[in-house]
Protein backbone atom coordinates (compact mmCIF):
# COMPACT_ATOMS: atom_id res chain seq x y z
CA MET A 1 0.00 0.00 0.00
CA LYS A 2 3.02 2.31 0.04
CA ARG A 3 2.27 3.69 -3.44
CA GLU A 4 -1.37 4.43 -2.59
CA ILE A 5 -0.53 6.05 0.74
CA GLN A 6 2.17 8.22 -0.81
CA TYR A 7 -0.27 9.41 -3.48
CA ILE A 8 -2.77 10.40 -0.79
CA TYR A 9 -0.17 12.17 1.36
CA ASP A 10 0.99 14.19 -1.64
CA ILE A 11 -2.48 15.75 -1.93
CA PRO A 12 -2.94 19.10 -0.09
CA LYS A 13 -4.63 18.49 3.29
CA PHE A 14 -7.45 20.99 2.86
CA SER A 15 -8.48 23.51 0.23
CA ARG A 16 -10.16 26.85 0.81
CA LYS A 17 -13.55 26.83 -0.87
CA THR A 18 -16.66 28.93 -1.15
CA SER A 19 -19.05 26.08 -1.98
CA LEU A 20 -19.33 22.30 -1.89
CA ALA A 21 -20.09 21.94 -5.62
CA ASN A 22 -16.76 20.24 -6.38
CA THR A 23 -17.21 17.75 -3.55
CA GLU A 24 -20.74 16.93 -4.70
CA ASN A 25 -19.55 16.39 -8.27
CA PHE A 26 -16.71 14.16 -7.05
CA ILE A 27 -19.06 11.94 -5.04
CA LYS A 28 -21.43 11.72 -8.03
CA GLU A 29 -18.54 10.78 -10.32
CA LEU A 30 -17.60 8.05 -7.84
CA GLY A 31 -21.15 6.73 -7.70
CA ALA A 32 -20.80 6.85 -3.92
CA SER A 33 -24.04 8.53 -2.87
CA CYS A 34 -26.19 6.98 -0.18
CA PRO A 35 -29.54 7.96 1.37
CA ASP A 36 -29.14 10.97 3.67
CA SER A 37 -31.47 9.30 6.17
CA LYS A 38 -28.66 6.84 6.99
CA ILE A 39 -26.20 9.58 7.92
CA ILE A 40 -25.26 10.72 11.42
CA HIS A 41 -23.22 13.92 11.14
CA VAL A 42 -20.84 14.96 13.93
CA ALA A 43 -19.01 18.31 14.19
CA GLY A 44 -17.18 20.15 16.97
CA THR A 45 -13.66 20.94 18.16
CA ASN A 46 -12.96 18.36 20.85
CA GLY A 47 -14.62 14.99 21.40
CA LYS A 48 -15.91 14.29 17.87
CA GLY A 49 -14.12 10.96 17.52
CA SER A 50 -15.18 9.81 20.97
CA VAL A 51 -18.84 10.67 20.30
CA CYS A 52 -18.62 8.78 17.00
CA GLU A 53 -17.17 5.70 18.70
CA TYR A 54 -19.72 5.70 21.56
CA LEU A 55 -22.55 6.05 19.07
CA ASN A 56 -21.06 3.40 16.79
CA SER A 57 -20.85 0.97 19.71
CA ILE A 58 -24.43 1.66 20.84
CA LEU A 59 -25.80 1.23 17.31
CA MET A 60 -23.92 -2.04 16.84
CA GLU A 61 -25.15 -3.30 20.21
CA SER A 62 -28.66 -2.53 18.91
CA GLY A 63 -28.05 -4.85 15.95
CA TYR A 64 -27.39 -2.25 13.25
CA ASN A 65 -24.72 -2.39 10.53
CA VAL A 66 -22.62 0.76 10.88
CA GLY A 67 -20.09 2.56 8.71
CA LEU A 68 -17.72 4.93 10.53
CA PHE A 69 -15.59 7.65 8.93
CA THR A 70 -13.29 9.58 11.29
CA SER A 71 -10.02 11.51 11.30
CA PRO A 72 -7.17 11.73 11.91
CA HIS A 73 -5.80 8.21 12.20
CA LEU A 74 -3.26 7.47 14.92
CA VAL A 75 -1.35 4.48 13.54
CA ASP A 76 -2.81 3.19 10.26
CA ILE A 77 -4.68 5.18 7.62
CA ASN A 78 -7.19 2.28 7.46
CA GLU A 79 -8.49 3.44 10.88
CA ARG A 80 -10.41 6.22 9.14
CA ILE A 81 -12.75 3.82 7.32
CA VAL A 82 -14.47 1.23 9.52
CA TYR A 83 -17.46 -1.03 8.95
CA ASN A 84 -18.99 -2.94 11.86
CA ASP A 85 -15.92 -2.26 14.00
CA THR A 86 -13.51 -3.64 11.40
CA MET A 87 -11.06 -1.39 9.58
CA ILE A 88 -11.00 -1.53 5.81
CA SER A 89 -8.45 -4.19 4.81
CA ASP A 90 -5.32 -3.35 2.82
CA GLU A 91 -6.73 -5.22 -0.18
CA GLU A 92 -10.05 -3.36 -0.04
CA PHE A 93 -8.19 -0.08 0.50
CA GLU A 94 -6.13 -0.62 -2.66
CA LYS A 95 -9.21 -1.53 -4.69
CA ILE A 96 -11.24 1.49 -3.53
CA PHE A 97 -8.20 3.74 -3.96
CA GLU A 98 -7.92 2.93 -7.67
CA VAL A 99 -11.59 3.70 -8.28
CA THR A 100 -11.32 6.93 -6.30
CA ARG A 101 -8.16 8.07 -8.04
CA THR A 102 -9.75 7.53 -11.44
CA ALA A 103 -12.71 9.70 -10.43
CA ALA A 104 -10.47 12.33 -8.82
CA GLU A 105 -8.34 12.73 -11.93
CA LYS A 106 -11.43 13.42 -14.03
CA MET A 107 -12.30 16.44 -11.89
CA ASN A 108 -11.43 19.99 -12.95
CA GLU A 109 -10.03 20.52 -9.47
CA HIS A 110 -8.40 17.54 -7.74
CA PRO A 111 -10.08 16.71 -4.40
CA SER A 112 -8.14 17.60 -1.25
CA PHE A 113 -6.55 14.97 1.00
CA PHE A 114 -9.66 14.89 3.20
CA GLU A 115 -12.11 14.91 0.28
CA PHE A 116 -10.24 12.00 -1.34
CA LEU A 117 -10.48 9.87 1.82
CA PHE A 118 -14.11 10.90 2.31
CA GLY A 119 -14.79 9.74 -1.24
CA MET A 120 -13.04 6.43 -0.55
CA ALA A 121 -15.13 5.92 2.59
CA MET A 122 -18.42 6.66 0.85
CA LYS A 123 -17.53 4.38 -2.06
CA TYR A 124 -16.59 1.62 0.38
CA PHE A 125 -19.80 1.98 2.38
CA ALA A 126 -21.85 2.05 -0.84
CA GLY A 127 -20.68 -1.52 -1.45
CA LYS A 128 -21.84 -2.64 1.99
CA SER A 129 -25.30 -2.65 3.56
CA PRO A 130 -25.09 -0.04 6.33
CA ASP A 131 -28.12 0.91 8.36
CA TYR A 132 -26.22 4.01 9.49
CA ILE A 133 -23.06 5.85 8.47
CA ILE A 134 -21.40 8.07 11.06
CA LEU A 135 -19.47 10.95 9.49
CA GLU A 136 -17.03 13.07 11.49
CA THR A 137 -16.27 16.45 9.94
CA GLY A 138 -12.64 17.12 9.10
CA LEU A 139 -12.52 20.90 9.52
CA GLY A 140 -15.35 23.17 10.64
CA GLY A 141 -18.73 22.19 9.30
CA ARG A 142 -20.28 24.72 6.95
CA LEU A 143 -17.82 24.08 4.11
CA ASP A 144 -16.56 20.69 5.24
CA ALA A 145 -16.66 17.99 2.56
CA THR A 146 -19.03 15.87 4.67
CA ASN A 147 -21.60 18.69 4.63
CA ILE A 148 -22.89 17.68 1.20
CA ILE A 149 -25.45 15.65 3.17
CA ARG A 150 -28.78 17.51 2.91
CA LYS A 151 -30.96 15.81 5.52
CA PRO A 152 -29.12 13.45 7.89
CA ALA A 153 -30.88 11.35 10.50
CA VAL A 154 -29.34 13.45 13.27
CA CYS A 155 -26.57 16.03 13.74
CA VAL A 156 -24.35 16.22 16.81
CA ILE A 157 -22.21 19.20 17.83
CA THR A 158 -19.55 18.50 20.46
CA SER A 159 -17.63 21.03 22.58
CA ILE A 160 -16.29 24.09 20.79
CA GLY A 161 -12.73 25.30 21.33
CA LEU A 162 -10.11 27.52 19.74
CA ASP A 163 -8.47 25.45 17.01
CA HIS A 164 -7.82 25.82 13.26
CA MET A 165 -8.34 29.54 13.74
CA GLU A 166 -6.64 30.36 10.44
CA TYR A 167 -9.63 28.69 8.73
CA LEU A 168 -12.54 29.02 11.15
CA GLY A 169 -12.22 32.34 12.98
CA SER A 170 -10.52 33.76 16.05
CA THR A 171 -13.34 33.61 18.62
CA TYR A 172 -15.49 30.88 20.12
CA ALA A 173 -18.59 32.40 18.51
CA GLU A 174 -17.02 32.51 15.03
CA ILE A 175 -15.85 28.92 15.28
CA ALA A 176 -19.24 27.84 16.65
CA ALA A 177 -20.93 29.42 13.61
CA GLU A 178 -18.76 27.34 11.27
CA LYS A 179 -19.46 24.13 13.21
CA ALA A 180 -23.19 24.93 13.36
CA GLY A 181 -23.11 24.98 9.56
CA ILE A 182 -24.06 21.29 9.63
CA ILE A 183 -27.49 22.15 11.11
CA LYS A 184 -30.30 21.48 8.60
CA PRO A 185 -34.04 22.28 8.47
CA ASP A 186 -36.23 19.76 10.30
CA VAL A 187 -33.21 17.66 11.35
CA PRO A 188 -32.62 16.80 15.04
CA VAL A 189 -29.53 18.48 16.53
CA VAL A 190 -27.94 17.16 19.73
CA TRP A 191 -25.65 19.67 21.39
CA MET A 192 -24.09 20.59 24.72
CA ARG A 193 -24.84 23.89 26.45
CA ASP A 194 -21.63 25.16 28.02
CA ARG A 195 -20.27 28.59 27.08
CA ASN A 196 -22.97 31.24 26.64
CA ASP A 197 -21.42 32.74 23.49
CA VAL A 198 -21.32 29.32 21.82
CA ALA A 199 -24.83 28.38 23.01
CA GLU A 200 -26.28 31.59 21.59
CA VAL A 201 -24.81 30.87 18.15
CA ILE A 202 -26.03 27.26 18.07
CA ALA A 203 -29.49 28.11 19.43
CA ASP A 204 -29.86 30.93 16.90
CA THR A 205 -28.85 28.64 14.02
CA VAL A 206 -31.35 26.02 15.20
CA ARG A 207 -34.12 28.65 15.23
CA ARG A 208 -33.24 30.08 11.81
CA HIS A 209 -33.18 26.66 10.18
CA LYS A 210 -36.20 25.39 12.10
CA ALA A 211 -34.14 22.40 13.22
CA ILE A 212 -35.18 20.21 16.13
CA SER A 213 -33.06 20.98 19.18
CA TYR A 214 -31.99 18.36 21.74
CA GLU A 215 -29.95 20.42 24.15
CA ILE A 216 -27.98 18.88 26.99
CA ASN A 217 -26.96 21.13 29.84
CA LYS A 218 -23.42 20.33 31.00
CA LYS A 219 -24.63 20.83 34.57
CA ASN A 220 -26.94 17.82 34.17
CA ILE A 221 -24.03 15.39 33.77
CA ASN A 222 -22.52 14.37 37.09
CA ILE A 223 -19.60 12.08 37.82
CA ILE A 224 -20.62 9.69 40.61
CA TYR A 225 -17.50 7.54 40.83
CA ALA A 226 -14.15 7.50 39.07
CA ASP A 227 -10.94 5.52 39.29
CA ASP A 228 -8.01 4.90 36.97
CA LYS A 229 -10.03 2.59 34.71
CA LYS A 230 -13.66 3.72 34.63
CA ILE A 231 -16.17 6.46 35.38
CA ASP A 232 -19.78 6.15 36.57
CA PHE A 233 -21.91 9.19 35.74
CA SER A 234 -25.54 10.28 35.76
CA LEU A 235 -27.38 11.95 32.89
CA ASP A 236 -30.48 14.09 33.08
CA ASN A 237 -31.90 14.78 29.62
CA MET A 238 -35.28 14.75 27.87
CA TYR A 239 -35.25 10.92 27.99
CA TYR A 240 -33.67 10.17 31.36
CA CYS A 241 -33.88 11.55 34.87
CA ASN A 242 -30.46 11.11 36.49
CA GLU A 243 -29.94 7.73 34.85
CA CYS A 244 -26.58 6.13 35.67
CA PHE A 245 -24.12 4.94 33.03
CA GLU A 246 -20.58 3.57 33.08
CA ILE A 247 -17.66 4.04 30.66
CA ASN A 248 -14.32 2.26 30.54
CA SER A 249 -12.21 5.40 30.58
CA PRO A 250 -10.61 7.56 33.28
CA ALA A 251 -11.00 10.68 31.09
CA HIS A 252 -12.84 13.42 32.95
CA TYR A 253 -14.29 14.73 29.66
CA GLN A 254 -15.74 11.47 28.33
CA PRO A 255 -19.05 11.52 30.26
CA GLU A 256 -19.98 14.60 28.20
CA ASN A 257 -19.15 12.84 24.94
CA ALA A 258 -20.94 9.68 26.04
CA SER A 259 -24.00 11.77 26.98
CA LEU A 260 -24.12 13.32 23.51
CA ALA A 261 -23.94 9.82 21.98
CA VAL A 262 -26.62 8.46 24.31
CA THR A 263 -28.97 11.33 23.49
CA ALA A 264 -28.35 10.94 19.74
CA ALA A 265 -29.14 7.23 20.09
CA ASN A 266 -32.34 8.16 21.96
CA VAL A 267 -33.31 10.48 19.10
CA LEU A 268 -32.81 7.58 16.67
CA GLY A 269 -35.26 5.51 18.70
CA ILE A 270 -32.83 3.51 20.83
CA THR A 271 -34.16 3.77 24.37
CA ASP A 272 -33.33 0.33 25.80
CA THR A 273 -31.09 1.33 28.70
CA GLY A 274 -29.45 -2.10 28.85
CA VAL A 275 -28.42 -1.88 25.19
CA ILE A 276 -27.05 1.62 25.69
CA ARG A 277 -25.10 0.62 28.80
CA ARG A 278 -23.54 -2.37 27.04
CA GLY A 279 -22.68 -0.23 24.03
CA LEU A 280 -20.93 2.38 26.17
CA LEU A 281 -18.92 -0.27 28.01
CA LYS A 282 -17.72 -1.86 24.77
CA ALA A 283 -16.57 1.44 23.26
CA PHE A 284 -12.85 2.16 22.99
CA TRP A 285 -11.20 5.16 21.34
CA MET A 286 -7.41 5.24 21.09
CA GLY A 287 -5.35 8.08 22.47
CA ARG A 288 -7.84 9.46 24.99
CA MET A 289 -6.41 9.00 28.50
CA GLN A 290 -5.30 5.61 27.22
CA ARG A 291 -3.23 3.45 29.54
CA ILE A 292 -0.19 2.04 27.74
CA THR A 293 1.26 0.35 30.83
CA ASP A 294 0.91 0.92 34.55
CA GLY A 295 2.03 4.48 35.17
CA PHE A 296 1.98 5.50 31.49
CA ILE A 297 -1.08 7.29 30.05
CA ILE A 298 -1.39 9.07 26.71
CA ASP A 299 -3.92 11.70 25.71
CA GLY A 300 -4.42 13.39 22.35
CA ALA A 301 -5.25 16.86 23.71
CA HIS A 302 -3.78 19.37 21.25
CA ASN A 303 -5.39 22.75 21.94
CA ASP A 304 -5.94 24.99 24.95
CA ASP A 305 -9.40 23.67 25.78
CA GLY A 306 -8.33 20.06 25.34
CA ILE A 307 -5.35 20.58 27.65
CA ILE A 308 -7.62 21.98 30.37
CA GLN A 309 -9.78 18.85 30.12
CA PHE A 310 -6.67 16.66 30.18
CA LEU A 311 -5.42 18.42 33.33
CA ASP A 312 -8.81 17.93 34.99
CA SER A 313 -8.53 14.21 34.21
CA VAL A 314 -5.04 13.96 35.73
CA ARG A 315 -6.21 15.89 38.78
CA MET A 316 -9.17 13.54 39.23
CA LEU A 317 -6.89 10.49 39.15
CA GLU A 318 -4.91 11.80 42.14
CA PRO A 319 -1.80 9.85 41.09
CA GLU A 320 0.84 9.17 43.75
CA GLY A 321 4.62 9.30 43.41
CA GLY A 322 5.00 12.42 41.28
CA ASN A 323 4.15 13.07 37.65
CA VAL A 324 6.21 13.64 34.51
CA VAL A 325 4.68 15.22 31.39
CA PHE A 326 5.91 13.76 28.10
CA PHE A 327 5.22 16.46 25.52
CA SER A 328 5.32 17.08 21.79
CA ALA A 329 3.24 19.21 19.43
CA VAL A 330 2.91 20.49 15.90
CA LYS A 331 4.23 23.98 15.24
CA ASP A 332 0.97 25.40 13.88
CA LYS A 333 -0.89 24.84 17.16
CA HIS A 334 -1.05 27.23 20.13
CA TYR A 335 1.68 25.32 21.93
CA GLU A 336 2.74 28.18 24.20
CA GLY A 337 -0.73 28.35 25.76
CA MET A 338 -0.85 24.58 26.24
CA ILE A 339 2.57 24.52 27.89
CA ASP A 340 1.70 27.49 30.10
CA SER A 341 -1.41 25.70 31.39
CA ILE A 342 0.59 22.53 32.09
CA CYS A 343 3.28 24.45 34.01
CA LYS A 344 0.74 26.44 36.04
CA SER A 345 -1.28 23.34 36.95
CA GLY A 346 1.28 22.23 39.54
CA LEU A 347 0.59 18.61 38.57
CA PHE A 348 4.01 17.84 37.07
CA ASP A 349 7.54 18.17 38.35
CA GLN A 350 9.41 17.44 35.11
CA CYS A 351 9.00 17.34 31.33
CA ILE A 352 10.38 14.99 28.68
CA ALA A 353 10.23 16.71 25.29
CA ILE A 354 10.69 15.36 21.77
CA GLN A 355 10.13 16.55 18.22
CA LEU A 356 7.52 14.67 16.19
CA GLU A 357 8.65 12.70 13.16
CA ASP A 358 5.98 14.57 11.16
CA ARG A 359 7.33 17.53 9.16
CA ARG A 360 4.97 19.81 11.11
CA GLY A 361 6.65 18.78 14.37
CA LEU A 362 7.65 21.59 16.74
CA ASP A 363 11.39 21.85 17.38
CA VAL A 364 12.35 20.10 20.63
CA HIS A 365 14.49 23.04 21.78
CA THR A 366 11.51 25.40 21.39
CA ILE A 367 9.43 23.05 23.54
CA GLY A 368 12.23 22.93 26.12
CA GLU A 369 12.52 26.72 26.25
CA CYS A 370 8.77 27.12 26.79
CA PHE A 371 8.73 24.67 29.69
CA ARG A 372 11.83 26.23 31.27
CA ARG A 373 10.17 29.65 31.06
CA GLY A 374 7.28 28.10 32.99
CA GLY A 375 9.69 26.94 35.69
CA MET A 376 9.74 23.24 34.83
CA PRO A 377 12.91 21.15 34.35
CA VAL A 378 13.09 19.56 30.89
CA ILE A 379 14.90 16.63 29.32
CA GLU A 380 15.10 17.02 25.54
CA ALA A 381 15.09 13.57 23.93
CA ASP A 382 16.40 12.94 20.42
CA ASN A 383 13.50 10.85 19.12
CA ILE A 384 10.47 8.77 20.09
CA ALA A 385 12.60 5.76 21.10
CA ASP A 386 14.80 7.82 23.44
CA GLY A 387 11.76 9.64 24.81
CA CYS A 388 9.91 6.40 25.57
CA ASP A 389 13.03 4.89 27.15
CA LEU A 390 13.28 7.90 29.45
CA ALA A 391 9.57 7.63 30.24
CA PHE A 392 9.89 3.97 31.24
CA LYS A 393 12.90 4.76 33.42
CA LYS A 394 10.83 7.38 35.22
CA ILE A 395 8.03 4.85 35.71
CA LYS A 396 10.48 2.30 37.18
CA ALA A 397 11.59 5.02 39.58
CA GLY A 398 8.00 5.36 40.81
CA LYS A 399 6.83 8.27 38.68
CA ASN A 400 3.68 8.51 36.54
CA VAL A 401 4.14 9.62 32.95
CA PHE A 402 1.43 11.44 30.99
CA ALA A 403 2.04 11.98 27.27
CA VAL A 404 0.11 14.83 25.66
CA GLY A 405 0.20 17.62 23.08
CA SER A 406 -0.79 16.02 19.77
CA LEU A 407 -2.82 13.17 18.34
CA TYR A 408 0.13 12.51 16.03
CA PHE A 409 2.32 12.16 19.13
CA ALA A 410 -0.14 9.70 20.66
CA GLY A 411 0.04 7.73 17.42
CA GLU A 412 3.85 7.67 17.45
CA ILE A 413 3.88 6.30 21.01
CA ILE A 414 1.31 3.59 20.20
CA ARG A 415 3.26 2.63 17.08
CA TYR A 416 6.54 2.45 19.02
CA THR A 417 5.12 0.41 21.90
CA ARG A 418 3.39 -2.03 19.53
CA ARG A 419 6.56 -2.48 17.50
CA ASN A 420 8.48 -3.26 20.66
CA ASN A 421 5.75 -5.43 22.23
CA ILE A 422 5.33 -3.12 25.19
């Protein structure tokens, strides 16, 4: 698959556009359309992938066939295209790639990296028999390739944060407006009320489009019990009155994502609490407060809001023995703000820093300087192998290591530990 993957990676990641006409034409050329009524559309800044996975697991537990398209991948590009919890195989990937490339090269404007993979996913699902297809937006919502869907079964908007500001706007309200671009007339919209400026934008968009609002108030989700492996929480929504659910994750932010998925499932007619509970328990999403070994947890937080949620999760764990942060990031993110929050949290007494293998990786010396300015001692490792070796030495000495800063970084750690049977 090296040739196919290289072709895809040579395509520009995103393209600035003023309409979705090219994407629509590309999907038509592929013959990859499917009924809108099968689509579940998910947008937001943080938590999209987790919501998709929780909903995927609940739907499958209900007996449905489910296609799942998400991004980015952490280890293998195949992760982005999943049917009934099974990644597209290398053989199927190669076959669908050839069909997609042929269609792409007939277009006046070649599809972007994301559009190409979206086309591959839709073509793949068109050859299956899905009851539902869950689509995670790649960037924003209003002009995202996935937004060619006119009337999905349900839309979900997760938490809004400051990310991709060069494309989406510089304020929470501006970014919320782009994400709310997936809202359609007469279509149910499940969303979380948190920040007032974001809530006003979403509520106004719902009113203007005469959509059907299913609002969850963040205050109505309460953590009842949490340890280093699971969280029990209660949900009060239009279907449940303080109903208790359990998830196999120590991430402080996951009850919110699970609640969005549960409510979306309710909207789709799934109200059997036993089915929903089993679905939540079976769900697993890589790189979200994921335990690699005892004392070693990775999290894909990569923006200011995500880092705050990550820090809340570490705080809730109350780890003993002292904590080390293992950090890397891409240079086009707001890394200074993330590092400042980590240093001010008081949760860590040392940092291990590395530069990502990705060409967007932030220079390790820049990372080191930022942490030192925040008053934290730093060890600058040469590469992922040296960084992980240092991390495991810290763990043997009784420390806890938390890796954070980038989903790409989480992927590099998983890849390294798998390769070395750790």
